[in-house]
C-alpha atoms as a PDB file:
ATOM      1  CA  UNK A   1    -105.529 -60.398 147.881  1.00  0.00           C
ATOM      2  CA  UNK A   2    -105.426 -63.365 145.523  1.00  0.00           C
ATOM      3  CA  UNK A   3    -102.160 -64.379 143.881  1.00  0.00           C
ATOM      4  CA  UNK A   4    -103.035 -63.056 140.416  1.00  0.00           C
ATOM      5  CA  UNK A   5    -103.904 -59.624 141.777  1.00  0.00           C
ATOM      6  CA  UNK A   6    -100.849 -59.668 144.034  1.00  0.00           C
ATOM      7  CA  UNK A   7     -98.519 -60.563 141.162  1.00  0.00           C
ATOM      8  CA  UNK A   8     -99.937 -57.837 138.900  1.00  0.00           C
ATOM      9  CA  UNK A   9     -99.683 -55.344 141.759  1.00  0.00           C
ATOM     10  CA  UNK A  10     -96.048 -56.410 142.294  1.00  0.00           C
ATOM     11  CA  UNK A  11     -95.373 -55.637 138.624  1.00  0.00           C
ATOM     12  CA  UNK A  12     -96.995 -52.215 138.941  1.00  0.00           C
ATOM     13  CA  UNK A  13     -94.693 -51.517 141.920  1.00  0.00           C
ATOM     14  CA  UNK A  14     -91.640 -52.132 139.720  1.00  0.00           C
ATOM     15  CA  UNK A  15     -90.959 -55.854 140.114  1.00  0.00           C
ATOM     16  CA  UNK A  16     -89.915 -57.489 136.842  1.00  0.00           C
ATOM     17  CA  UNK A  17     -92.154 -60.263 135.491  1.00  0.00           C
ATOM     18  CA  UNK A  18     -90.176 -63.059 137.163  1.00  0.00           C
ATOM     19  CA  UNK A  19     -90.122 -61.244 140.499  1.00  0.00           C
ATOM     20  CA  UNK A  20     -93.834 -60.440 140.280  1.00  0.00           C
ATOM     21  CA  UNK A  21     -94.766 -64.098 139.825  1.00  0.00           C
ATOM     22  CA  UNK A  22     -92.210 -65.665 142.148  1.00  0.00           C
ATOM     23  CA  UNK A  23     -92.890 -63.295 145.037  1.00  0.00           C
ATOM     24  CA  UNK A  24     -96.627 -64.006 144.795  1.00  0.00           C
ATOM     25  CA  UNK A  25     -95.751 -67.580 145.842  1.00  0.00           C
ATOM     26  CA  UNK A  26     -93.446 -66.719 148.738  1.00  0.00           C
ATOM     27  CA  UNK A  27     -95.875 -68.396 151.139  1.00  0.00           C
ATOM     28  CA  UNK A  28     -95.175 -71.843 149.666  1.00  0.00           C
ATOM     29  CA  UNK A  29     -91.408 -71.557 150.047  1.00  0.00           C
ATOM     30  CA  UNK A  30     -89.154 -71.213 153.050  1.00  0.00           C
ATOM     31  CA  UNK A  31     -87.577 -68.146 151.457  1.00  0.00           C
ATOM     32  CA  UNK A  32     -88.516 -64.573 152.208  1.00  0.00           C
ATOM     33  CA  UNK A  33     -90.046 -62.377 149.562  1.00  0.00           C
ATOM     34  CA  UNK A  34     -86.842 -60.312 149.576  1.00  0.00           C
ATOM     35  CA  UNK A  35     -84.758 -63.440 148.900  1.00  0.00           C
ATOM     36  CA  UNK A  36     -87.049 -64.485 146.048  1.00  0.00           C
ATOM     37  CA  UNK A  37     -86.935 -60.941 144.670  1.00  0.00           C
ATOM     38  CA  UNK A  38     -83.131 -60.992 144.681  1.00  0.00           C
ATOM     39  CA  UNK A  39     -82.858 -64.501 143.200  1.00  0.00           C
ATOM     40  CA  UNK A  40     -85.116 -63.599 140.280  1.00  0.00           C
ATOM     41  CA  UNK A  41     -83.846 -60.098 139.550  1.00  0.00           C
ATOM     42  CA  UNK A  42     -81.745 -61.067 136.523  1.00  0.00           C
ATOM     43  CA  UNK A  43     -84.590 -63.077 134.949  1.00  0.00           C
ATOM     44  CA  UNK A  44     -86.551 -59.985 133.905  1.00  0.00           C
ATOM     45  CA  UNK A  45     -86.736 -58.678 130.376  1.00  0.00           C
ATOM     46  CA  UNK A  46     -86.528 -62.190 129.006  1.00  0.00           C
ATOM     47  CA  UNK A  47     -83.508 -63.302 131.081  1.00  0.00           C
ATOM     48  CA  UNK A  48     -81.087 -60.512 131.686  1.00  0.00           C
ATOM     49  CA  UNK A  49     -82.901 -58.079 129.419  1.00  0.00           C
ATOM     50  CA  UNK A  50     -82.168 -60.196 126.327  1.00  0.00           C
ATOM     51  CA  UNK A  51     -85.855 -60.641 125.467  1.00  0.00           C
ATOM     52  CA  UNK A  52     -85.295 -64.401 125.649  1.00  0.00           C
ATOM     53  CA  UNK A  53     -87.522 -66.656 127.757  1.00  0.00           C
ATOM     54  CA  UNK A  54     -90.297 -64.612 129.399  1.00  0.00           C
ATOM     55  CA  UNK A  55     -89.612 -63.773 133.045  1.00  0.00           C
ATOM     56  CA  UNK A  56     -93.023 -65.091 134.091  1.00  0.00           C
ATOM     57  CA  UNK A  57     -92.113 -68.431 132.489  1.00  0.00           C
ATOM     58  CA  UNK A  58     -88.717 -68.398 134.229  1.00  0.00           C
ATOM     59  CA  UNK A  59     -90.514 -67.971 137.550  1.00  0.00           C
ATOM     60  CA  UNK A  60     -92.695 -71.008 136.794  1.00  0.00           C
ATOM     61  CA  UNK A  61     -89.599 -73.095 136.071  1.00  0.00           C
ATOM     62  CA  UNK A  62     -87.937 -71.845 139.255  1.00  0.00           C
ATOM     63  CA  UNK A  63     -90.946 -72.949 141.308  1.00  0.00           C
ATOM     64  CA  UNK A  64     -91.119 -76.303 139.485  1.00  0.00           C
ATOM     65  CA  UNK A  65     -87.580 -77.078 140.624  1.00  0.00           C
ATOM     66  CA  UNK A  66     -88.150 -75.715 144.102  1.00  0.00           C
ATOM     67  CA  UNK A  67     -91.294 -77.794 144.654  1.00  0.00           C
ATOM     68  CA  UNK A  68     -89.899 -81.017 143.147  1.00  0.00           C
ATOM     69  CA  UNK A  69     -86.237 -81.127 144.127  1.00  0.00           C
ATOM     70  CA  UNK A  70     -85.198 -83.462 146.907  1.00  0.00           C
ATOM     71  CA  UNK A  71     -82.226 -81.190 147.598  1.00  0.00           C
ATOM     72  CA  UNK A  72     -78.507 -81.811 147.985  1.00  0.00           C
ATOM     73  CA  UNK A  73     -79.052 -84.511 150.578  1.00  0.00           C
ATOM     74  CA  UNK A  74     -80.547 -86.758 147.866  1.00  0.00           C
ATOM     75  CA  UNK A  75     -77.324 -86.886 145.836  1.00  0.00           C
ATOM     76  CA  UNK A  76     -76.422 -88.904 143.873  1.00  0.00           C
ATOM     77  CA  UNK A  77     -80.087 -89.963 143.558  1.00  0.00           C
ATOM     78  CA  UNK A  78     -82.004 -86.950 142.281  1.00  0.00           C
ATOM     79  CA  UNK A  79     -85.383 -86.412 140.749  1.00  0.00           C
ATOM     80  CA  UNK A  80     -84.209 -84.020 138.036  1.00  0.00           C
ATOM     81  CA  UNK A  81     -86.220 -85.803 135.389  1.00  0.00           C
ATOM     82  CA  UNK A  82     -89.443 -85.249 137.321  1.00  0.00           C
ATOM     83  CA  UNK A  83     -88.564 -81.574 137.755  1.00  0.00           C
ATOM     84  CA  UNK A  84     -87.760 -81.259 134.048  1.00  0.00           C
ATOM     85  CA  UNK A  85     -91.026 -82.959 133.144  1.00  0.00           C
ATOM     86  CA  UNK A  86     -93.057 -80.706 135.432  1.00  0.00           C
ATOM     87  CA  UNK A  87     -91.320 -77.591 134.094  1.00  0.00           C
ATOM     88  CA  UNK A  88     -92.069 -78.813 130.584  1.00  0.00           C
ATOM     89  CA  UNK A  89     -95.765 -79.176 131.436  1.00  0.00           C
ATOM     90  CA  UNK A  90     -95.880 -75.630 132.799  1.00  0.00           C
ATOM     91  CA  UNK A  91     -94.102 -74.211 129.753  1.00  0.00           C
ATOM     92  CA  UNK A  92     -96.249 -76.184 127.288  1.00  0.00           C
ATOM     93  CA  UNK A  93     -99.422 -74.875 128.896  1.00  0.00           C
ATOM     94  CA  UNK A  94     -98.128 -71.285 128.786  1.00  0.00           C
ATOM     95  CA  UNK A  95     -97.032 -71.639 125.163  1.00  0.00           C
ATOM     96  CA  UNK A  96    -100.398 -73.126 124.157  1.00  0.00           C
ATOM     97  CA  UNK A  97    -102.123 -70.111 125.692  1.00  0.00           C
ATOM     98  CA  UNK A  98     -99.761 -67.469 124.310  1.00  0.00           C
ATOM     99  CA  UNK A  99     -98.131 -68.964 121.189  1.00  0.00           C
ATOM    100  CA  UNK A 100     -94.601 -68.331 122.486  1.00  0.00           C
ATOM    101  CA  UNK A 101     -92.296 -68.503 125.496  1.00  0.00           C
ATOM    102  CA  UNK A 102     -90.063 -65.728 124.208  1.00  0.00           C
ATOM    103  CA  UNK A 103     -90.392 -62.186 125.519  1.00  0.00           C
ATOM    104  CA  UNK A 104     -89.389 -60.747 122.137  1.00  0.00           C
ATOM    105  CA  UNK A 105     -92.271 -62.526 120.394  1.00  0.00           C
ATOM    106  CA  UNK A 106     -94.827 -62.008 123.140  1.00  0.00           C
ATOM    107  CA  UNK A 107     -94.191 -58.280 123.241  1.00  0.00           C
ATOM    108  CA  UNK A 108     -92.867 -57.748 119.707  1.00  0.00           C
ATOM    109  CA  UNK A 109     -95.861 -59.331 118.015  1.00  0.00           C
ATOM    110  CA  UNK A 110     -98.270 -58.040 120.672  1.00  0.00           C
ATOM    111  CA  UNK A 111     -99.291 -61.600 121.524  1.00  0.00           C
ATOM    112  CA  UNK A 112     -99.613 -60.856 125.256  1.00  0.00           C
ATOM    113  CA  UNK A 113     -98.807 -57.982 127.607  1.00  0.00           C
ATOM    114  CA  UNK A 114     -96.435 -58.430 130.536  1.00  0.00           C
ATOM    115  CA  UNK A 115     -99.362 -58.251 132.954  1.00  0.00           C
ATOM    116  CA  UNK A 116    -101.177 -60.862 130.861  1.00  0.00           C
ATOM    117  CA  UNK A 117     -98.144 -63.173 130.931  1.00  0.00           C
ATOM    118  CA  UNK A 118     -97.898 -62.700 134.702  1.00  0.00           C
ATOM    119  CA  UNK A 119    -101.591 -63.512 135.133  1.00  0.00           C
ATOM    120  CA  UNK A 120    -101.303 -66.634 132.972  1.00  0.00           C
ATOM    121  CA  UNK A 121     -98.193 -67.890 134.775  1.00  0.00           C
ATOM    122  CA  UNK A 122     -99.824 -67.483 138.183  1.00  0.00           C
ATOM    123  CA  UNK A 123    -103.013 -69.240 137.051  1.00  0.00           C
ATOM    124  CA  UNK A 124    -101.028 -72.142 135.582  1.00  0.00           C
ATOM    125  CA  UNK A 125     -98.978 -72.493 138.757  1.00  0.00           C
ATOM    126  CA  UNK A 126    -102.078 -72.373 140.957  1.00  0.00           C
ATOM    127  CA  UNK A 127    -103.663 -75.098 138.846  1.00  0.00           C
ATOM    128  CA  UNK A 128    -100.652 -77.419 138.705  1.00  0.00           C
ATOM    129  CA  UNK A 129     -98.740 -76.892 141.974  1.00  0.00           C
END
């Protein structure tokens, strides 16, 4: 099953948007799907159910840091700026496609469904990671 289909299927099973996206990329991390599921649980509903930043977007940012960070062993020399820049690219692409990063606007103004946001986030990640 491709990542887009897997992520949408995850959402249908009850994963929140962040979990659906993040767990579809478990193969590129050294974390289990269960660990990713747990780490992203509070990012659903626009971060803690606040309808803030879309969970699918949060998952993209999570993966941007995971893929770019040099880890604790690099301290005090980090590559935070590269991670921030990459996360910004991902978010800008999502916002250009959907006119918002905020769950309340995406759903409240019917700009994009949750499944649509999940699909877009996965496609953007596949293109840029």
